[in-house]
N, C-alpha and C. Protein backbone atom coordinates (compact mmCIF):
# COMPACT_ATOMS: atom_id res chain seq x y z
N MET A 1 -9.40 -50.93 -29.69
CA MET A 1 -9.79 -51.74 -31.05
C MET A 1 -9.90 -53.15 -30.50
N ASP A 2 -11.35 -53.35 -30.99
CA ASP A 2 -11.95 -54.96 -31.01
C ASP A 2 -11.71 -55.55 -32.01
N ARG A 3 -11.79 -56.87 -31.92
CA ARG A 3 -11.94 -57.40 -33.09
C ARG A 3 -12.82 -58.76 -32.44
N THR A 4 -13.67 -59.40 -33.61
CA THR A 4 -14.54 -60.19 -33.26
C THR A 4 -14.18 -61.56 -33.90
N ALA A 5 -14.82 -62.72 -33.66
CA ALA A 5 -15.26 -64.05 -34.36
C ALA A 5 -16.65 -64.58 -33.70
N THR A 6 -17.31 -65.44 -34.42
CA THR A 6 -18.60 -65.80 -33.72
C THR A 6 -18.04 -67.26 -34.22
N ALA A 7 -18.97 -68.04 -33.40
CA ALA A 7 -19.07 -69.65 -33.36
C ALA A 7 -20.47 -70.01 -33.37
N HIS A 8 -20.81 -70.82 -34.47
CA HIS A 8 -22.32 -71.35 -34.02
C HIS A 8 -22.38 -73.07 -33.96
N TRP A 9 -22.96 -73.49 -32.89
CA TRP A 9 -22.96 -75.13 -32.81
C TRP A 9 -24.27 -75.66 -32.76
N ALA A 10 -24.57 -76.87 -33.44
CA ALA A 10 -25.99 -77.34 -33.01
C ALA A 10 -25.49 -79.18 -32.81
N GLY A 11 -25.96 -79.68 -31.79
CA GLY A 11 -26.27 -80.56 -31.66
C GLY A 11 -25.57 -80.97 -30.50
N ASP A 12 -25.08 -82.43 -30.14
CA ASP A 12 -24.30 -82.71 -29.30
C ASP A 12 -22.81 -82.74 -29.63
N LEU A 13 -21.61 -83.19 -28.49
CA LEU A 13 -20.68 -82.64 -28.91
C LEU A 13 -20.11 -83.77 -30.17
N LYS A 14 -20.03 -85.04 -30.26
CA LYS A 14 -19.75 -85.86 -30.89
C LYS A 14 -20.28 -85.86 -32.32
N ALA A 15 -21.79 -85.79 -32.30
CA ALA A 15 -22.42 -85.51 -33.48
C ALA A 15 -22.97 -84.50 -34.42
N GLY A 16 -22.61 -83.07 -33.13
CA GLY A 16 -23.21 -81.96 -33.74
C GLY A 16 -21.99 -81.35 -34.60
N LYS A 17 -22.26 -80.30 -35.38
CA LYS A 17 -21.69 -79.43 -36.42
C LYS A 17 -21.60 -78.31 -36.41
N GLY A 18 -20.60 -77.42 -36.17
CA GLY A 18 -20.61 -76.09 -36.41
C GLY A 18 -20.12 -75.21 -37.33
N SER A 19 -19.70 -73.66 -36.99
CA SER A 19 -19.39 -72.98 -38.02
C SER A 19 -18.70 -71.76 -37.18
N LEU A 20 -17.60 -71.42 -37.95
CA LEU A 20 -16.88 -70.16 -37.37
C LEU A 20 -16.85 -69.28 -38.12
N LYS A 21 -16.78 -68.09 -37.84
CA LYS A 21 -16.77 -66.92 -38.85
C LYS A 21 -15.91 -65.83 -38.16
N LEU A 22 -15.31 -64.94 -39.01
CA LEU A 22 -14.27 -63.76 -38.51
C LEU A 22 -15.24 -62.80 -38.81
N GLY A 23 -15.22 -62.16 -37.93
CA GLY A 23 -15.73 -60.35 -37.98
C GLY A 23 -15.58 -59.86 -39.13
N SER A 24 -14.31 -59.62 -39.81
CA SER A 24 -14.26 -59.17 -40.92
C SER A 24 -14.73 -59.89 -42.22
N GLY A 25 -15.03 -60.99 -41.88
CA GLY A 25 -15.91 -61.73 -43.37
C GLY A 25 -14.71 -62.32 -43.87
N ALA A 26 -13.39 -62.32 -43.73
CA ALA A 26 -12.51 -62.93 -44.33
C ALA A 26 -12.30 -64.25 -44.32
N PHE A 27 -13.06 -65.06 -43.36
CA PHE A 27 -13.02 -66.63 -43.22
C PHE A 27 -14.13 -66.95 -42.53
N GLU A 28 -14.57 -68.16 -43.09
CA GLU A 28 -16.02 -68.66 -42.54
C GLU A 28 -16.02 -70.18 -42.97
N GLY A 29 -16.27 -70.93 -42.07
CA GLY A 29 -15.74 -72.37 -42.48
C GLY A 29 -16.28 -73.59 -41.29
N PRO A 30 -16.72 -74.44 -41.66
CA PRO A 30 -17.28 -75.49 -40.45
C PRO A 30 -16.06 -76.03 -39.78
N TYR A 31 -16.63 -76.60 -38.50
CA TYR A 31 -15.98 -77.15 -37.65
C TYR A 31 -16.82 -78.58 -37.06
N SER A 32 -16.33 -79.20 -36.39
CA SER A 32 -16.88 -80.54 -35.89
C SER A 32 -15.99 -80.91 -34.88
N PHE A 33 -16.61 -82.20 -34.27
CA PHE A 33 -15.79 -83.07 -33.17
C PHE A 33 -14.76 -83.59 -33.93
N THR A 34 -14.94 -84.40 -35.14
CA THR A 34 -14.12 -84.72 -36.07
C THR A 34 -12.96 -84.14 -36.43
N SER A 35 -13.26 -82.71 -36.95
CA SER A 35 -12.26 -81.93 -37.24
C SER A 35 -11.25 -81.52 -36.12
N ARG A 36 -11.85 -81.57 -34.86
CA ARG A 36 -11.04 -81.03 -33.89
C ARG A 36 -10.06 -82.16 -33.18
N PHE A 37 -10.65 -83.41 -33.07
CA PHE A 37 -10.12 -84.58 -32.64
C PHE A 37 -9.68 -85.61 -33.41
N GLU A 38 -10.31 -85.66 -34.57
CA GLU A 38 -9.84 -87.25 -35.51
C GLU A 38 -9.29 -86.59 -36.65
N GLY A 39 -9.35 -85.56 -37.07
CA GLY A 39 -8.10 -85.24 -38.34
C GLY A 39 -9.18 -85.09 -39.42
N ASN A 40 -10.37 -84.73 -39.69
CA ASN A 40 -11.01 -84.31 -40.98
C ASN A 40 -10.70 -83.22 -41.38
N LYS A 41 -11.10 -82.60 -42.43
CA LYS A 41 -10.81 -81.28 -43.18
C LYS A 41 -11.14 -80.23 -43.01
N ASP A 42 -12.21 -80.42 -42.13
CA ASP A 42 -13.07 -78.82 -41.80
C ASP A 42 -12.00 -78.33 -40.66
N THR A 43 -11.73 -76.83 -40.45
CA THR A 43 -11.18 -76.13 -39.55
C THR A 43 -11.78 -76.49 -38.13
N ASN A 44 -10.64 -75.95 -37.21
CA ASN A 44 -11.06 -76.11 -35.70
C ASN A 44 -10.24 -74.83 -35.07
N PRO A 45 -10.62 -74.71 -33.82
CA PRO A 45 -9.87 -73.65 -33.02
C PRO A 45 -8.58 -73.64 -32.74
N GLU A 46 -8.11 -74.19 -32.83
CA GLU A 46 -6.57 -74.80 -32.56
C GLU A 46 -6.00 -74.63 -33.87
N GLU A 47 -6.44 -74.53 -34.78
CA GLU A 47 -5.91 -74.40 -36.43
C GLU A 47 -5.67 -73.02 -36.45
N LEU A 48 -7.07 -72.34 -35.93
CA LEU A 48 -7.21 -70.89 -36.11
C LEU A 48 -6.23 -70.33 -35.40
N LEU A 49 -6.03 -70.91 -34.00
CA LEU A 49 -5.01 -70.28 -33.01
C LEU A 49 -3.88 -70.32 -33.86
N GLY A 50 -3.50 -71.26 -34.17
CA GLY A 50 -2.07 -71.05 -34.69
C GLY A 50 -1.92 -70.26 -35.96
N ALA A 51 -3.06 -70.30 -36.86
CA ALA A 51 -2.74 -69.27 -37.71
C ALA A 51 -2.84 -67.61 -37.05
N ALA A 52 -3.61 -67.39 -36.42
CA ALA A 52 -3.10 -66.12 -35.49
C ALA A 52 -2.00 -65.82 -34.98
N HIS A 53 -1.47 -66.87 -34.29
CA HIS A 53 -0.08 -66.90 -33.67
C HIS A 53 1.12 -66.76 -34.83
N ALA A 54 0.81 -67.70 -35.56
CA ALA A 54 2.08 -67.35 -36.92
C ALA A 54 1.92 -66.03 -37.52
N GLY A 55 0.56 -65.40 -37.64
CA GLY A 55 0.58 -64.15 -38.51
C GLY A 55 1.24 -62.92 -37.47
N CYS A 56 0.68 -63.15 -36.27
CA CYS A 56 0.89 -62.01 -35.35
C CYS A 56 2.79 -61.96 -35.36
N PHE A 57 3.12 -63.64 -34.89
CA PHE A 57 4.76 -63.50 -34.62
C PHE A 57 5.37 -62.73 -35.81
N THR A 58 5.02 -63.37 -37.16
CA THR A 58 5.71 -63.09 -38.29
C THR A 58 5.71 -61.83 -38.48
N MET A 59 4.58 -60.86 -38.13
CA MET A 59 4.52 -59.35 -38.36
C MET A 59 5.77 -58.33 -37.23
N ALA A 60 5.21 -59.19 -36.22
CA ALA A 60 5.94 -58.73 -34.64
C ALA A 60 7.80 -58.64 -35.31
N LEU A 61 8.05 -59.92 -36.23
CA LEU A 61 9.83 -60.19 -36.49
C LEU A 61 9.79 -59.30 -37.55
N SER A 62 8.92 -58.75 -38.35
CA SER A 62 9.18 -57.90 -39.50
C SER A 62 9.75 -56.51 -39.15
N LEU A 63 8.80 -56.35 -37.79
CA LEU A 63 8.86 -54.86 -37.17
C LEU A 63 10.16 -54.86 -36.24
N ALA A 64 10.54 -56.14 -35.80
CA ALA A 64 11.76 -55.76 -35.02
C ALA A 64 12.84 -55.95 -35.85
N LEU A 65 12.92 -56.59 -36.79
CA LEU A 65 14.19 -56.64 -38.02
C LEU A 65 14.26 -55.42 -38.73
N SER A 66 13.04 -54.70 -38.77
CA SER A 66 13.26 -53.78 -39.66
C SER A 66 13.64 -52.40 -38.75
N THR A 67 12.85 -52.30 -37.77
CA THR A 67 13.29 -51.38 -36.79
C THR A 67 14.82 -51.30 -36.77
N ALA A 68 15.75 -52.37 -36.58
CA ALA A 68 16.97 -52.51 -36.02
C ALA A 68 17.73 -52.36 -37.98
N GLY A 69 16.85 -51.87 -38.85
CA GLY A 69 17.72 -51.97 -39.98
C GLY A 69 17.72 -53.00 -40.71
N HIS A 70 17.39 -54.03 -40.70
CA HIS A 70 17.40 -55.20 -41.25
C HIS A 70 16.38 -55.48 -42.15
N ILE A 71 15.87 -54.80 -43.22
CA ILE A 71 14.76 -55.21 -43.88
C ILE A 71 14.52 -56.86 -44.52
N PRO A 72 13.50 -57.68 -43.99
CA PRO A 72 13.56 -58.71 -44.53
C PRO A 72 12.86 -59.06 -45.83
N THR A 73 13.34 -59.65 -46.49
CA THR A 73 13.02 -59.84 -47.91
C THR A 73 11.90 -60.81 -47.83
N SER A 74 11.69 -61.73 -46.80
CA SER A 74 10.45 -62.62 -46.78
C SER A 74 10.55 -63.15 -45.33
N LEU A 75 9.38 -63.58 -44.74
CA LEU A 75 9.61 -64.19 -43.52
C LEU A 75 8.38 -65.37 -43.82
N ASP A 76 8.46 -66.32 -43.57
CA ASP A 76 7.69 -67.60 -43.46
C ASP A 76 7.44 -68.23 -42.31
N THR A 77 6.20 -68.53 -40.94
CA THR A 77 6.52 -69.07 -40.23
C THR A 77 5.01 -70.09 -40.14
N VAL A 78 5.58 -71.47 -39.87
CA VAL A 78 4.32 -72.22 -39.40
C VAL A 78 4.35 -72.43 -38.06
N ALA A 79 3.01 -72.59 -37.31
CA ALA A 79 2.72 -72.73 -36.04
C ALA A 79 2.03 -74.11 -35.80
N THR A 80 2.54 -74.73 -34.83
CA THR A 80 2.21 -76.09 -34.86
C THR A 80 1.41 -76.03 -33.24
N VAL A 81 0.18 -76.13 -33.35
CA VAL A 81 -0.53 -76.21 -32.00
C VAL A 81 -0.71 -77.58 -31.36
N HIS A 82 -0.40 -77.77 -29.88
CA HIS A 82 -0.41 -79.03 -29.52
C HIS A 82 -1.72 -79.37 -28.84
N LEU A 83 -2.47 -80.16 -29.05
CA LEU A 83 -3.81 -80.14 -28.47
C LEU A 83 -3.66 -81.98 -27.73
N ASN A 84 -3.58 -82.17 -26.56
CA ASN A 84 -3.30 -83.29 -25.74
C ASN A 84 -4.24 -83.36 -24.57
N LYS A 85 -4.42 -84.55 -24.40
CA LYS A 85 -5.32 -85.19 -23.17
C LYS A 85 -4.58 -84.72 -21.87
N VAL A 86 -5.45 -84.07 -20.98
CA VAL A 86 -4.44 -83.61 -19.84
C VAL A 86 -5.31 -83.97 -18.94
N GLY A 87 -5.29 -84.85 -18.05
CA GLY A 87 -6.00 -85.10 -16.87
C GLY A 87 -7.42 -85.82 -17.39
N ASP A 88 -8.63 -84.92 -17.25
CA ASP A 88 -9.94 -85.62 -17.81
C ASP A 88 -10.16 -84.88 -18.83
N GLY A 89 -9.47 -83.55 -19.57
CA GLY A 89 -9.89 -83.08 -20.46
C GLY A 89 -8.80 -82.88 -21.42
N MET A 90 -8.94 -82.26 -22.30
CA MET A 90 -8.19 -81.52 -23.63
C MET A 90 -7.50 -80.12 -23.53
N SER A 91 -6.27 -80.15 -23.65
CA SER A 91 -5.75 -78.75 -23.20
C SER A 91 -4.52 -78.81 -24.48
N VAL A 92 -4.22 -77.31 -24.82
CA VAL A 92 -3.18 -76.71 -25.43
C VAL A 92 -1.83 -76.95 -24.64
N THR A 93 -1.24 -77.60 -25.10
CA THR A 93 0.00 -77.74 -24.20
C THR A 93 1.38 -77.54 -24.48
N GLY A 94 1.18 -76.74 -25.90
CA GLY A 94 2.57 -76.07 -26.38
C GLY A 94 1.94 -75.48 -27.80
N ILE A 95 3.13 -74.56 -28.44
CA ILE A 95 2.82 -74.32 -29.55
C ILE A 95 4.44 -74.17 -30.34
N ASP A 96 4.72 -74.79 -31.11
CA ASP A 96 6.28 -74.75 -32.00
C ASP A 96 5.74 -73.76 -32.85
N LEU A 97 6.75 -72.50 -32.86
CA LEU A 97 6.70 -71.67 -34.23
C LEU A 97 8.07 -71.79 -35.10
N VAL A 98 7.94 -72.27 -36.19
CA VAL A 98 9.19 -72.90 -37.08
C VAL A 98 9.29 -71.56 -38.35
N THR A 99 10.02 -70.79 -38.08
CA THR A 99 10.24 -69.47 -38.97
C THR A 99 11.42 -69.27 -39.88
N LYS A 100 11.19 -69.03 -41.31
CA LYS A 100 12.15 -69.45 -42.07
C LYS A 100 12.41 -67.51 -42.47
N GLY A 101 13.64 -66.99 -42.78
CA GLY A 101 13.59 -65.76 -43.24
C GLY A 101 14.59 -65.44 -44.12
N VAL A 102 14.25 -64.62 -45.09
CA VAL A 102 15.55 -64.16 -46.44
C VAL A 102 15.83 -62.55 -45.69
N VAL A 103 16.75 -62.49 -45.00
CA VAL A 103 17.20 -61.20 -44.39
C VAL A 103 18.68 -60.97 -45.04
N PRO A 104 18.79 -60.00 -45.62
CA PRO A 104 20.03 -59.71 -46.35
C PRO A 104 21.18 -59.05 -45.12
N GLY A 105 22.08 -59.72 -45.17
CA GLY A 105 23.23 -59.09 -44.28
C GLY A 105 22.96 -59.75 -43.03
N LEU A 106 22.30 -60.39 -42.56
CA LEU A 106 21.91 -60.88 -40.96
C LEU A 106 22.70 -62.19 -41.06
N THR A 107 23.07 -62.29 -39.77
CA THR A 107 23.70 -63.84 -39.27
C THR A 107 22.39 -64.53 -38.83
N HIS A 108 23.04 -66.02 -38.94
CA HIS A 108 21.83 -66.96 -38.17
C HIS A 108 21.60 -66.59 -36.68
N ALA A 109 22.59 -66.57 -36.22
CA ALA A 109 22.59 -66.37 -34.66
C ALA A 109 21.87 -64.99 -34.50
N ASP A 110 22.08 -64.04 -35.33
CA ASP A 110 21.31 -62.73 -35.00
C ASP A 110 19.66 -62.83 -35.31
N PHE A 111 19.34 -63.80 -36.09
CA PHE A 111 18.16 -63.95 -36.70
C PHE A 111 17.63 -64.59 -35.58
N SER A 112 18.12 -65.61 -34.99
CA SER A 112 17.74 -66.51 -34.04
C SER A 112 17.32 -65.45 -32.47
N LYS A 113 18.07 -64.47 -32.28
CA LYS A 113 18.01 -63.89 -31.05
C LYS A 113 16.73 -62.82 -31.48
N TYR A 114 16.54 -62.50 -32.49
CA TYR A 114 15.27 -61.52 -33.07
C TYR A 114 14.03 -62.58 -32.85
N ALA A 115 13.95 -63.71 -33.34
CA ALA A 115 13.03 -64.56 -33.32
C ALA A 115 12.88 -64.96 -31.76
N GLU A 116 13.42 -65.20 -30.77
CA GLU A 116 13.30 -65.57 -29.61
C GLU A 116 12.99 -64.31 -29.02
N ALA A 117 13.38 -63.49 -29.23
CA ALA A 117 12.67 -62.15 -28.47
C ALA A 117 11.24 -61.69 -28.84
N THR A 118 10.93 -62.21 -30.50
CA THR A 118 9.30 -61.96 -30.88
C THR A 118 8.81 -62.91 -30.35
N LYS A 119 9.43 -64.28 -30.03
CA LYS A 119 8.53 -65.14 -29.39
C LYS A 119 7.48 -64.67 -28.02
N VAL A 120 8.52 -64.00 -27.25
CA VAL A 120 7.95 -63.52 -26.14
C VAL A 120 7.04 -62.33 -25.90
N GLY A 121 7.34 -61.50 -27.06
CA GLY A 121 6.90 -60.05 -27.12
C GLY A 121 5.76 -59.84 -27.97
N CYS A 122 5.33 -61.11 -28.84
CA CYS A 122 4.23 -60.47 -29.80
C CYS A 122 3.06 -60.58 -29.15
N ILE A 123 2.06 -59.98 -29.83
CA ILE A 123 0.76 -59.95 -28.83
C ILE A 123 -0.11 -60.90 -28.62
N ILE A 124 0.04 -62.17 -29.32
CA ILE A 124 -0.83 -63.46 -29.03
C ILE A 124 0.46 -64.25 -28.44
N SER A 125 1.62 -64.24 -28.37
CA SER A 125 2.26 -64.88 -27.51
C SER A 125 1.79 -64.57 -25.97
N ARG A 126 1.90 -63.19 -25.86
CA ARG A 126 1.75 -62.59 -24.37
C ARG A 126 0.52 -62.90 -24.06
N ALA A 127 -0.79 -63.40 -25.13
CA ALA A 127 -2.06 -63.78 -24.57
C ALA A 127 -2.23 -65.09 -24.36
N LEU A 128 -1.21 -65.65 -24.29
CA LEU A 128 -1.21 -67.42 -24.49
C LEU A 128 -0.27 -67.57 -23.20
N ASN A 129 -0.87 -68.81 -22.43
CA ASN A 129 -0.06 -69.16 -21.18
C ASN A 129 0.15 -70.70 -21.28
N VAL A 130 1.03 -70.94 -22.63
CA VAL A 130 1.61 -72.07 -22.82
C VAL A 130 2.79 -72.46 -23.07
N PRO A 131 3.51 -73.36 -23.11
CA PRO A 131 4.94 -73.51 -23.27
C PRO A 131 5.02 -72.87 -24.64
N MET A 132 5.93 -72.47 -25.26
CA MET A 132 6.13 -72.28 -26.91
C MET A 132 7.81 -72.62 -27.07
N THR A 133 7.76 -72.71 -28.13
CA THR A 133 9.21 -72.96 -28.60
C THR A 133 9.36 -72.14 -30.23
N VAL A 134 10.30 -71.60 -30.47
CA VAL A 134 10.55 -71.20 -32.01
C VAL A 134 12.09 -71.77 -32.40
N LYS A 135 11.85 -71.95 -33.79
CA LYS A 135 13.01 -72.52 -34.44
C LYS A 135 13.15 -71.58 -35.52
N ALA A 136 14.35 -70.81 -36.02
CA ALA A 136 14.62 -69.80 -36.76
C ALA A 136 15.80 -70.35 -37.63
N THR A 137 15.64 -70.09 -39.09
CA THR A 137 16.66 -70.13 -40.06
C THR A 137 16.49 -69.63 -41.02
N LEU A 138 17.77 -69.28 -41.75
CA LEU A 138 17.85 -68.41 -42.74
C LEU A 138 18.01 -68.89 -43.94
N GLY A 139 17.56 -68.48 -44.96
CA GLY A 139 17.75 -69.44 -46.31
C GLY A 139 17.28 -68.78 -47.53
């Protein structure tokens, strides 16, 4: 199974503009130097990476919990992707996952154990080679 996404760019790094499009057609949007490094409202690759990671992690956590007999009522995850200057360039230096679950009958300690195992095991986590953290709360 292959998934695709495309990027288009026109111009130099700072003045240029681009667009990103998912192969499914579910998303298409502009990106630019200012959206990556200066915080304008267009999207950027790191934001999309965070969305992919949050989605993958949350689905994998649901699987792990359900397989163990703990069907979640809801799971919500925020992925914060850290983009920092490293040496002469920019690098993704870490990802923080903050997940909140409503899982009847599960203790906070057990929820945290499932979250930690999922952080290591989800498909996107395995694809990345950066330090990651996860914070899990029930509520």
